Amino acid sequence: MERSLLDNNTYVTIDKEPTKKFIGKLQSLLVRWKNIGFDELTYKRLLITEENISRSYGFPKIHEIDCPLRIIVSIN
């Protein structure tokens, strides 16, 4: 699993987590849209109030020899 995660063709290592910056940009965009007449219900549905960072973990492939791990990426 570690070898797979270190594959630069599949995954990219980042220096700092971009979620807070992205949420800030999205919220400012939604506020601008709301100020020009955006629907209140749609605004509330698109507004992000909590941030969830993706996590990865390994799930063993018990049907294979040596039980290698399958990478699972979760966003919850």
N, C-alpha and C. Protein backbone atom coordinates (compact mmCIF):
# COMPACT_ATOMS: atom_id res chain seq x y z
N MET A 1 0.83 -1.18 0.00
CA MET A 1 0.00 0.00 0.00
C MET A 1 0.87 1.25 0.00
N GLU A 2 1.91 1.25 0.80
CA GLU A 2 2.80 2.42 0.86
C GLU A 2 3.46 2.67 -0.49
N ARG A 3 3.86 1.60 -1.15
CA ARG A 3 4.47 1.74 -2.48
C ARG A 3 3.48 2.36 -3.46
N SER A 4 2.22 1.95 -3.38
CA SER A 4 1.19 2.53 -4.26
C SER A 4 0.97 4.01 -3.98
N LEU A 5 0.94 4.38 -2.69
CA LEU A 5 0.72 5.78 -2.33
C LEU A 5 1.89 6.68 -2.74
N LEU A 6 3.08 6.10 -2.82
CA LEU A 6 4.26 6.88 -3.21
C LEU A 6 4.42 7.00 -4.72
N ASP A 7 3.53 6.37 -5.49
CA ASP A 7 3.58 6.43 -6.95
C ASP A 7 3.20 7.84 -7.41
N ASN A 8 4.16 8.58 -7.96
CA ASN A 8 3.94 9.97 -8.37
C ASN A 8 3.05 10.10 -9.60
N ASN A 9 2.83 9.03 -10.34
CA ASN A 9 1.93 9.07 -11.49
C ASN A 9 0.46 9.03 -11.07
N THR A 10 0.21 8.52 -9.86
CA THR A 10 -1.16 8.38 -9.38
C THR A 10 -1.52 9.43 -8.34
N TYR A 11 -0.62 9.64 -7.37
CA TYR A 11 -0.87 10.55 -6.26
C TYR A 11 0.19 11.65 -6.24
N VAL A 12 -0.21 12.82 -5.78
CA VAL A 12 0.71 13.96 -5.69
C VAL A 12 0.83 14.37 -4.24
N THR A 13 2.04 14.55 -3.77
CA THR A 13 2.28 15.03 -2.42
C THR A 13 2.17 16.55 -2.42
N ILE A 14 1.39 17.08 -1.47
CA ILE A 14 1.24 18.53 -1.37
C ILE A 14 1.86 19.01 -0.07
N ASP A 15 2.34 20.27 -0.07
CA ASP A 15 3.01 20.81 1.10
C ASP A 15 2.03 21.23 2.19
N LYS A 16 0.94 21.85 1.80
CA LYS A 16 -0.05 22.22 2.81
C LYS A 16 -1.45 21.92 2.31
N GLU A 17 -2.35 21.72 3.23
CA GLU A 17 -3.71 21.29 2.96
C GLU A 17 -4.52 22.47 2.40
N PRO A 18 -5.10 22.34 1.19
CA PRO A 18 -5.77 23.46 0.54
C PRO A 18 -7.26 23.62 0.87
N THR A 19 -7.82 22.79 1.73
CA THR A 19 -9.27 22.79 1.96
C THR A 19 -9.77 24.12 2.50
N LYS A 20 -9.11 24.70 3.51
CA LYS A 20 -9.58 25.96 4.10
C LYS A 20 -9.58 27.09 3.07
N LYS A 21 -8.55 27.15 2.24
CA LYS A 21 -8.48 28.18 1.21
C LYS A 21 -9.61 28.01 0.20
N PHE A 22 -9.87 26.77 -0.21
CA PHE A 22 -10.95 26.47 -1.15
C PHE A 22 -12.31 26.85 -0.56
N ILE A 23 -12.55 26.49 0.71
CA ILE A 23 -13.82 26.80 1.35
C ILE A 23 -14.01 28.31 1.45
N GLY A 24 -12.95 29.05 1.77
CA GLY A 24 -13.04 30.50 1.84
C GLY A 24 -13.41 31.12 0.50
N LYS A 25 -12.79 30.64 -0.57
CA LYS A 25 -13.11 31.15 -1.91
C LYS A 25 -14.56 30.83 -2.29
N LEU A 26 -14.99 29.62 -1.98
CA LEU A 26 -16.37 29.22 -2.29
C LEU A 26 -17.36 30.07 -1.52
N GLN A 27 -17.11 30.30 -0.24
CA GLN A 27 -18.03 31.10 0.56
C GLN A 27 -18.11 32.54 0.07
N SER A 28 -16.99 33.13 -0.32
CA SER A 28 -17.04 34.50 -0.83
C SER A 28 -17.79 34.56 -2.16
N LEU A 29 -17.63 33.55 -3.00
CA LEU A 29 -18.36 33.49 -4.26
C LEU A 29 -19.87 33.37 -4.01
N LEU A 30 -20.25 32.51 -3.07
CA LEU A 30 -21.67 32.34 -2.76
C LEU A 30 -22.28 33.61 -2.19
N VAL A 31 -21.54 34.33 -1.35
CA VAL A 31 -22.03 35.60 -0.80
C VAL A 31 -22.25 36.61 -1.91
N ARG A 32 -21.32 36.68 -2.87
CA ARG A 32 -21.50 37.60 -4.00
C ARG A 32 -22.74 37.22 -4.81
N TRP A 33 -22.93 35.92 -5.06
CA TRP A 33 -24.11 35.48 -5.80
C TRP A 33 -25.40 35.79 -5.03
N LYS A 34 -25.36 35.60 -3.72
CA LYS A 34 -26.54 35.88 -2.89
C LYS A 34 -26.89 37.37 -2.95
N ASN A 35 -25.88 38.22 -2.96
CA ASN A 35 -26.11 39.66 -3.00
C ASN A 35 -26.70 40.13 -4.32
N ILE A 36 -26.54 39.36 -5.39
CA ILE A 36 -27.12 39.77 -6.68
C ILE A 36 -28.41 39.02 -6.98
N GLY A 37 -28.98 38.37 -5.96
CA GLY A 37 -30.29 37.76 -6.15
C GLY A 37 -30.31 36.24 -6.21
N PHE A 38 -29.27 35.58 -5.77
CA PHE A 38 -29.22 34.11 -5.75
C PHE A 38 -30.27 33.58 -4.78
N ASP A 39 -30.91 32.49 -5.12
CA ASP A 39 -31.95 31.88 -4.29
C ASP A 39 -31.38 31.47 -2.93
N GLU A 40 -32.08 31.82 -1.84
CA GLU A 40 -31.62 31.56 -0.47
C GLU A 40 -31.48 30.05 -0.19
N LEU A 41 -32.41 29.26 -0.66
CA LEU A 41 -32.36 27.82 -0.43
C LEU A 41 -31.15 27.19 -1.12
N THR A 42 -30.90 27.58 -2.36
CA THR A 42 -29.75 27.06 -3.08
C THR A 42 -28.46 27.51 -2.42
N TYR A 43 -28.43 28.76 -1.95
CA TYR A 43 -27.26 29.28 -1.23
C TYR A 43 -26.94 28.40 -0.02
N LYS A 44 -27.95 28.10 0.77
CA LYS A 44 -27.74 27.29 1.98
C LYS A 44 -27.32 25.86 1.64
N ARG A 45 -27.81 25.33 0.54
CA ARG A 45 -27.44 23.96 0.15
C ARG A 45 -25.98 23.89 -0.31
N LEU A 46 -25.49 24.95 -0.96
CA LEU A 46 -24.13 24.95 -1.46
C LEU A 46 -23.10 25.39 -0.41
N LEU A 47 -23.55 26.06 0.64
CA LEU A 47 -22.65 26.57 1.66
C LEU A 47 -22.03 25.42 2.46
N ILE A 48 -20.73 25.41 2.58
CA ILE A 48 -20.01 24.39 3.34
C ILE A 48 -19.78 24.92 4.75
N THR A 49 -20.25 24.18 5.75
CA THR A 49 -20.10 24.64 7.13
C THR A 49 -19.05 23.84 7.89
N GLU A 50 -18.64 22.72 7.36
CA GLU A 50 -17.59 21.93 8.00
C GLU A 50 -16.67 21.38 6.92
N GLU A 51 -15.43 21.15 7.30
CA GLU A 51 -14.49 20.64 6.32
C GLU A 51 -14.12 19.20 6.65
N ASN A 52 -14.13 18.37 5.64
CA ASN A 52 -13.74 16.98 5.76
C ASN A 52 -12.57 16.73 4.82
N ILE A 53 -11.48 16.27 5.37
CA ILE A 53 -10.29 15.98 4.58
C ILE A 53 -10.31 14.50 4.22
N SER A 54 -9.97 14.20 2.99
CA SER A 54 -9.92 12.80 2.55
C SER A 54 -8.90 12.01 3.37
N ARG A 55 -9.24 10.80 3.65
CA ARG A 55 -8.35 9.88 4.38
C ARG A 55 -8.20 8.62 3.54
N SER A 56 -7.05 8.01 3.64
CA SER A 56 -6.86 6.73 2.96
C SER A 56 -6.48 5.67 4.00
N TYR A 57 -6.93 4.47 3.74
CA TYR A 57 -6.59 3.35 4.61
C TYR A 57 -6.55 2.09 3.76
N GLY A 58 -6.01 1.04 4.33
CA GLY A 58 -5.89 -0.21 3.60
C GLY A 58 -6.92 -1.23 4.04
N PHE A 59 -7.48 -1.92 3.08
CA PHE A 59 -8.43 -3.00 3.34
C PHE A 59 -7.81 -4.28 2.80
N PRO A 60 -7.59 -5.28 3.66
CA PRO A 60 -6.87 -6.48 3.19
C PRO A 60 -7.65 -7.29 2.16
N LYS A 61 -6.93 -7.75 1.15
CA LYS A 61 -7.51 -8.64 0.15
C LYS A 61 -7.27 -10.07 0.64
N ILE A 62 -8.21 -10.58 1.43
CA ILE A 62 -8.00 -11.88 2.08
C ILE A 62 -8.03 -13.06 1.11
N HIS A 63 -8.50 -12.84 -0.10
CA HIS A 63 -8.57 -13.91 -1.08
C HIS A 63 -7.24 -14.08 -1.83
N GLU A 64 -6.27 -13.18 -1.60
CA GLU A 64 -4.98 -13.26 -2.28
C GLU A 64 -3.88 -13.70 -1.31
N ILE A 65 -2.81 -14.23 -1.88
CA ILE A 65 -1.67 -14.67 -1.08
C ILE A 65 -1.01 -13.44 -0.44
N ASP A 66 -0.59 -13.55 0.80
CA ASP A 66 0.06 -12.51 1.60
C ASP A 66 -0.87 -11.34 1.95
N CYS A 67 -2.13 -11.42 1.63
CA CYS A 67 -3.14 -10.39 1.97
C CYS A 67 -2.67 -8.96 1.69
N PRO A 68 -2.41 -8.61 0.45
CA PRO A 68 -2.03 -7.22 0.16
C PRO A 68 -3.20 -6.28 0.49
N LEU A 69 -2.89 -5.02 0.69
CA LEU A 69 -3.92 -4.06 1.05
C LEU A 69 -4.46 -3.33 -0.17
N ARG A 70 -5.75 -3.18 -0.23
CA ARG A 70 -6.43 -2.38 -1.25
C ARG A 70 -6.57 -0.98 -0.67
N ILE A 71 -6.22 0.04 -1.43
CA ILE A 71 -6.31 1.42 -0.94
C ILE A 71 -7.75 1.89 -1.04
N ILE A 72 -8.26 2.40 0.07
CA ILE A 72 -9.59 2.99 0.14
C ILE A 72 -9.41 4.46 0.48
N VAL A 73 -10.00 5.35 -0.31
CA VAL A 73 -9.95 6.78 -0.03
C VAL A 73 -11.35 7.20 0.37
N SER A 74 -11.46 7.71 1.60
CA SER A 74 -12.75 8.08 2.16
C SER A 74 -12.82 9.60 2.33
N ILE A 75 -13.98 10.19 2.06
CA ILE A 75 -14.14 11.62 2.25
C ILE A 75 -15.04 11.93 3.44
N ASN A 76 -15.34 10.94 4.27
CA ASN A 76 -16.17 11.18 5.47
C ASN A 76 -15.27 11.29 6.66
